[in-house]
Amino acid sequence: MNFLDVKIDFAFKKVFGSADSKDILLSFLNAVIDFPHKQKIKDLTIVDPYSIPMLKGMKDTYVDVKAVLDNDTQVIIEMQVLNHEGLEKRILYNAAKNYSIQLKKCDAYELLNPVIALTITDFLFFPNNEHLISNFKLIEKNRFIEYADDIELIFIELPRFTKSEQELQTLQDKWLYFIKNAGSLEYIPHDIDKEIQKAFDIANEANLGEEELELQYKKKDWIYIQKSSIELATKQGLKQGMQQGLEQGSKQEKNNIARKLVGLLDNKTIAEKTGLSLLEVESL
């Protein structure tokens, strides 16, 4: 069996945001979100269910799955495969926008419902953080008093999840293993919950149409090219920086030698010995 890489946007939304994915999304959110008082959500409504998208371009590197929980909390689930400048601000903006647009003109502020922005990244978003899941809320910075629970940002950094199939224990482990590894698996792991079994069935390439498969493959290739371009640019930047450092170090060494020769040799001879120009020697 071959499964879609659910880190790719179309596949992620097909698994978690299809019209019949309610039980899948319920299970996943209950597994990864620590709701107040250990409560579990019992129902939700998926907003804008998955449909085969028109292939207009490849610029987007994420997809939103939106749901309204049974307590009216709005949840935005985002799978992000590439890091880029301003990403942290866009995530905050997106959460704040979904919070504010709930109100229509003259509506009371009491009608605002909480918004949870859950972002799953296929890269290290907080390099100096050792935690797999990070939660952010508005708090008083000295006494850590919560201002409100209305906006919560949750980040899951997939590279920090390193458990093998044999090490999976909790439902959270199994869901994160599915998201991270489904695209490279050839079989459905043993001892999994029925919702994850259903997720594997949806991601099974044998159950997809030709148009959907083509979209997935094209987007996967596009993301591979983007990642390769970033890696190449990084290597070239490092190489250029090292070369500039060596050149600057060499120039400094030449200047030091020239200074020691000043007064012992004439400027023309110093220039010939050190490789500096006559003007550079005279400036010393």
Protein backbone atom coordinates (compact mmCIF):
# COMPACT_ATOMS: atom_id res chain seq x y z
CA MET A 1 0.00 0.00 0.00
CA ASN A 2 1.02 3.58 -0.66
CA PHE A 3 -0.27 6.49 1.39
CA LEU A 4 -0.30 10.21 0.73
CA ASP A 5 2.13 12.39 2.62
CA VAL A 6 -0.43 14.15 4.80
CA LYS A 7 2.03 16.95 5.51
CA ILE A 8 1.24 18.15 1.99
CA ASP A 9 -1.62 20.61 2.10
CA PHE A 10 -4.19 18.88 -0.14
CA ALA A 11 -3.75 15.54 1.61
CA PHE A 12 -3.91 17.13 5.07
CA LYS A 13 -7.21 18.81 4.33
CA LYS A 14 -8.61 15.70 2.64
CA VAL A 15 -7.90 13.63 5.76
CA PHE A 16 -8.91 16.12 8.44
CA GLY A 17 -11.28 18.46 6.62
CA SER A 18 -13.51 16.30 4.45
CA ALA A 19 -17.25 16.28 4.97
CA ASP A 20 -17.08 12.83 6.62
CA SER A 21 -13.95 13.55 8.70
CA LYS A 22 -15.73 14.79 11.83
CA ASP A 23 -14.81 11.75 13.93
CA ILE A 24 -11.20 11.92 12.71
CA LEU A 25 -10.84 15.59 13.60
CA LEU A 26 -12.55 15.10 16.97
CA SER A 27 -10.13 12.32 17.89
CA PHE A 28 -7.09 14.32 16.74
CA LEU A 29 -8.02 17.55 18.53
CA ASN A 30 -8.85 15.74 21.77
CA ALA A 31 -5.46 14.04 21.56
CA VAL A 32 -3.29 17.12 21.04
CA ILE A 33 -5.15 20.00 22.74
CA ASP A 34 -5.22 20.28 26.52
CA PHE A 35 -8.72 21.63 27.03
CA PRO A 36 -9.62 23.29 30.37
CA HIS A 37 -10.63 21.00 33.22
CA LYS A 38 -9.59 17.95 31.15
CA GLN A 39 -12.75 18.28 29.12
CA LYS A 40 -13.13 16.56 25.77
CA ILE A 41 -15.00 18.00 22.83
CA LYS A 42 -17.94 15.85 21.80
CA ASP A 43 -18.98 17.48 18.56
CA LEU A 44 -17.80 19.96 15.94
CA THR A 45 -18.69 21.40 12.58
CA ILE A 46 -16.08 21.45 9.82
CA VAL A 47 -16.05 24.79 8.00
CA ASP A 48 -15.33 24.79 4.25
CA PRO A 49 -14.97 21.02 3.73
CA TYR A 50 -12.36 19.62 1.35
CA SER A 51 -12.99 19.68 -2.36
CA ILE A 52 -10.56 19.09 -5.21
CA PRO A 53 -8.83 22.48 -5.60
CA MET A 54 -8.13 24.24 -8.86
CA LEU A 55 -4.41 24.17 -9.60
CA LYS A 56 -3.78 27.91 -9.97
CA GLY A 57 -0.27 27.97 -8.60
CA MET A 58 1.96 26.58 -5.90
CA LYS A 59 2.71 29.63 -3.79
CA ASP A 60 0.83 28.48 -0.68
CA THR A 61 2.81 26.35 1.77
CA TYR A 62 0.01 25.68 4.22
CA VAL A 63 -3.65 24.77 4.42
CA ASP A 64 -6.32 25.66 6.95
CA VAL A 65 -8.84 23.23 8.38
CA LYS A 66 -11.42 25.20 10.32
CA ALA A 67 -13.93 23.84 12.79
CA VAL A 68 -16.42 25.15 15.35
CA LEU A 69 -16.50 23.06 18.52
CA ASP A 70 -19.57 22.18 20.55
CA ASN A 71 -18.74 25.01 23.01
CA ASP A 72 -18.58 27.50 20.08
CA THR A 73 -14.78 27.74 20.21
CA GLN A 74 -13.30 28.19 16.75
CA VAL A 75 -10.26 26.11 15.86
CA ILE A 76 -7.91 26.77 12.95
CA ILE A 77 -5.62 23.84 12.18
CA GLU A 78 -2.71 24.66 9.92
CA MET A 79 -0.06 22.37 8.42
CA GLN A 80 3.06 24.38 7.52
CA VAL A 81 5.84 22.69 5.56
CA LEU A 82 8.16 25.66 4.88
CA ASN A 83 9.38 28.38 7.19
CA HIS A 84 9.44 31.93 5.87
CA GLU A 85 9.96 35.47 7.07
CA GLY A 86 6.97 36.86 8.95
CA LEU A 87 5.34 33.46 9.54
CA GLU A 88 4.92 34.03 13.29
CA LYS A 89 3.16 37.34 12.61
CA ARG A 90 0.89 35.83 9.96
CA ILE A 91 -0.22 33.09 12.37
CA LEU A 92 -1.05 35.65 15.05
CA TYR A 93 -2.79 37.88 12.50
CA ASN A 94 -4.86 34.98 11.22
CA ALA A 95 -5.99 34.09 14.75
CA ALA A 96 -6.82 37.71 15.60
CA LYS A 97 -8.69 38.16 12.31
CA ASN A 98 -10.84 35.08 12.92
CA TYR A 99 -11.56 36.40 16.41
CA SER A 100 -12.59 39.88 15.28
CA ILE A 101 -14.68 39.00 12.23
CA GLN A 102 -17.19 37.17 14.43
CA LEU A 103 -18.86 40.46 15.29
CA LYS A 104 -21.12 42.32 12.95
CA LYS A 105 -21.92 45.99 13.28
CA CYS A 106 -23.43 46.86 16.69
CA ASP A 107 -22.95 43.31 18.04
CA ALA A 108 -22.03 43.04 21.72
CA TYR A 109 -18.46 42.02 22.57
CA GLU A 110 -19.85 39.29 24.79
CA LEU A 111 -20.76 37.39 21.62
CA LEU A 112 -17.10 36.78 20.79
CA ASN A 113 -16.07 33.15 21.09
CA PRO A 114 -12.55 31.84 21.76
CA VAL A 115 -10.20 31.04 18.89
CA ILE A 116 -7.52 28.35 18.98
CA ALA A 117 -4.86 28.44 16.26
CA LEU A 118 -3.14 25.04 16.05
CA THR A 119 -0.06 25.10 13.82
CA ILE A 120 1.84 21.93 12.91
CA THR A 121 5.27 22.61 11.45
CA ASP A 122 7.53 20.28 9.49
CA PHE A 123 10.54 22.25 10.75
CA LEU A 124 11.82 23.60 14.06
CA PHE A 125 9.84 26.77 14.67
CA PHE A 126 11.45 27.51 18.06
CA PRO A 127 15.08 26.33 17.73
CA ASN A 128 15.89 26.96 21.40
CA ASN A 129 12.79 25.15 22.65
CA GLU A 130 12.94 21.48 23.58
CA HIS A 131 9.20 20.85 23.87
CA LEU A 132 7.18 19.07 21.20
CA ILE A 133 4.05 21.17 21.86
CA SER A 134 4.07 24.84 22.87
CA ASN A 135 1.04 26.80 24.10
CA PHE A 136 0.76 30.59 24.14
CA LYS A 137 -1.90 32.76 25.79
CA LEU A 138 -2.26 36.35 26.95
CA ILE A 139 -0.82 36.60 30.47
CA GLU A 140 0.59 39.23 32.84
CA LYS A 141 4.32 38.90 32.23
CA ASN A 142 5.54 39.18 35.85
CA ARG A 143 2.88 37.27 37.80
CA PHE A 144 1.65 35.05 34.93
CA ILE A 145 -1.99 36.01 35.51
CA GLU A 146 -4.16 35.00 32.56
CA TYR A 147 -5.83 37.92 30.84
CA ALA A 148 -8.26 35.81 28.85
CA ASP A 149 -8.54 32.44 27.17
CA ASP A 150 -10.01 33.91 24.02
CA ILE A 151 -6.94 33.53 21.80
CA GLU A 152 -4.61 30.57 22.14
CA LEU A 153 -1.73 29.66 19.85
CA ILE A 154 -0.55 26.04 19.86
CA PHE A 155 2.49 24.82 17.94
CA ILE A 156 3.50 21.21 17.26
CA GLU A 157 7.02 20.83 15.85
CA LEU A 158 7.09 17.48 14.04
CA PRO A 159 10.91 17.13 13.94
CA ARG A 160 10.82 16.86 17.75
CA PHE A 161 8.60 13.77 17.50
CA THR A 162 11.02 10.86 17.15
CA LYS A 163 9.11 7.83 18.46
CA SER A 164 9.11 4.62 16.45
CA GLU A 165 6.03 2.48 15.87
CA GLN A 166 7.03 0.22 18.78
CA GLU A 167 7.26 3.21 21.14
CA LEU A 168 3.76 4.57 20.50
CA GLN A 169 1.67 4.60 23.68
CA THR A 170 -0.85 7.43 23.75
CA LEU A 171 -3.43 8.51 21.19
CA GLN A 172 -1.36 11.67 20.71
CA ASP A 173 1.70 9.56 19.84
CA LYS A 174 -0.28 7.63 17.24
CA TRP A 175 -1.73 10.72 15.56
CA LEU A 176 1.62 12.49 15.33
CA TYR A 177 3.23 9.30 14.01
CA PHE A 178 0.53 9.15 11.33
CA ILE A 179 1.02 12.77 10.25
CA LYS A 180 4.80 12.57 10.20
CA ASN A 181 5.25 9.14 8.61
CA ALA A 182 2.17 8.15 6.58
CA GLY A 183 3.79 9.13 3.29
CA SER A 184 6.69 6.71 3.82
CA LEU A 185 4.72 3.73 5.16
CA GLU A 186 3.70 0.66 3.17
CA TYR A 187 1.31 -0.78 5.71
CA ILE A 188 -1.10 0.34 8.42
CA PRO A 189 0.52 0.02 11.88
CA HIS A 190 -0.97 -2.43 14.34
CA ASP A 191 -3.01 -1.49 17.41
CA ILE A 192 -4.40 1.84 16.24
CA ASP A 193 -7.75 3.47 16.94
CA LYS A 194 -10.57 3.26 14.43
CA GLU A 195 -10.33 6.99 13.64
CA ILE A 196 -6.67 6.64 12.66
CA GLN A 197 -7.55 3.52 10.65
CA LYS A 198 -10.10 5.65 8.81
CA ALA A 199 -7.49 8.37 8.26
CA PHE A 200 -5.18 5.78 6.67
CA ASP A 201 -8.02 4.63 4.44
CA ILE A 202 -8.61 8.20 3.23
CA ALA A 203 -4.87 8.68 2.62
CA ASN A 204 -4.59 5.38 0.73
CA GLU A 205 -3.62 6.30 -2.84
CA ALA A 206 -5.67 3.38 -4.13
CA ASN A 207 -8.82 5.21 -3.04
CA LEU A 208 -7.99 8.47 -4.85
CA GLY A 209 -8.87 9.70 -8.29
CA GLU A 210 -6.32 10.55 -10.97
CA GLU A 211 -6.88 14.31 -10.58
CA GLU A 212 -6.26 14.23 -6.82
CA LEU A 213 -3.11 12.15 -7.21
CA GLU A 214 -1.74 14.55 -9.82
CA LEU A 215 -2.33 17.50 -7.49
CA GLN A 216 -0.56 15.75 -4.65
CA TYR A 217 2.46 14.78 -6.75
CA LYS A 218 2.83 18.23 -8.29
CA LYS A 219 2.65 19.93 -4.90
CA LYS A 220 5.11 17.48 -3.38
CA ASP A 221 7.57 18.18 -6.20
CA TRP A 222 7.07 21.93 -5.77
CA ILE A 223 7.79 21.75 -2.04
CA TYR A 224 10.88 19.62 -2.70
CA ILE A 225 12.16 22.26 -5.13
CA GLN A 226 11.49 25.04 -2.62
CA LYS A 227 13.34 23.19 0.15
CA SER A 228 16.26 22.43 -2.18
CA SER A 229 16.43 26.08 -3.22
CA ILE A 230 16.56 27.20 0.42
CA GLU A 231 19.29 24.66 1.21
CA LEU A 232 21.33 25.76 -1.83
CA ALA A 233 20.97 29.43 -0.95
CA THR A 234 22.04 28.68 2.63
CA LYS A 235 25.13 26.76 1.49
CA GLN A 236 26.08 29.48 -0.96
CA GLY A 237 25.62 32.15 1.70
CA LEU A 238 27.81 30.24 4.15
CA LYS A 239 30.48 29.69 1.51
CA GLN A 240 30.46 33.35 0.53
CA GLY A 241 30.61 34.42 4.17
CA MET A 242 33.56 32.12 4.86
CA GLN A 243 35.40 33.40 1.78
CA GLN A 244 34.82 37.00 2.80
CA GLY A 245 36.06 36.16 6.28
CA LEU A 246 39.23 34.60 4.89
CA GLU A 247 39.82 37.56 2.60
CA GLN A 248 39.28 40.02 5.43
CA GLY A 249 41.60 38.01 7.67
CA SER A 250 44.26 37.89 4.95
CA LYS A 251 43.99 41.64 4.40
CA GLN A 252 44.36 42.32 8.10
CA GLU A 253 47.45 40.13 8.26
CA LYS A 254 48.98 41.98 5.32
CA ASN A 255 48.30 45.30 7.04
CA ASN A 256 49.98 44.08 10.22
CA ILE A 257 53.10 42.99 8.34
CA ALA A 258 53.22 46.24 6.39
CA ARG A 259 53.05 48.29 9.59
CA LYS A 260 56.07 46.44 10.97
CA LEU A 261 58.05 47.21 7.79
CA VAL A 262 57.26 50.90 7.76
CA GLY A 263 60.49 52.79 8.43
CA LEU A 264 62.59 49.77 7.54
CA LEU A 265 61.76 49.60 3.84
CA ASP A 266 60.47 52.10 1.32
CA ASN A 267 56.73 52.05 0.51
CA LYS A 268 57.20 50.54 -2.96
CA THR A 269 59.16 47.59 -1.58
CA ILE A 270 56.61 47.07 1.22
CA ALA A 271 53.83 46.97 -1.38
CA GLU A 272 55.72 44.37 -3.40
CA LYS A 273 56.44 42.22 -0.33
CA THR A 274 52.87 42.25 1.08
CA GLY A 275 50.74 42.43 -2.07
CA LEU A 276 49.12 45.69 -0.92
CA SER A 277 48.79 48.60 -3.27
CA LEU A 278 51.13 51.56 -2.92
CA LEU A 279 48.18 53.72 -1.89
CA GLU A 280 47.22 51.23 0.85
CA VAL A 281 50.82 51.23 2.19
CA GLU A 282 50.95 55.01 2.18
CA SER A 283 47.70 55.14 4.18
CA LEU A 284 49.36 53.14 6.96
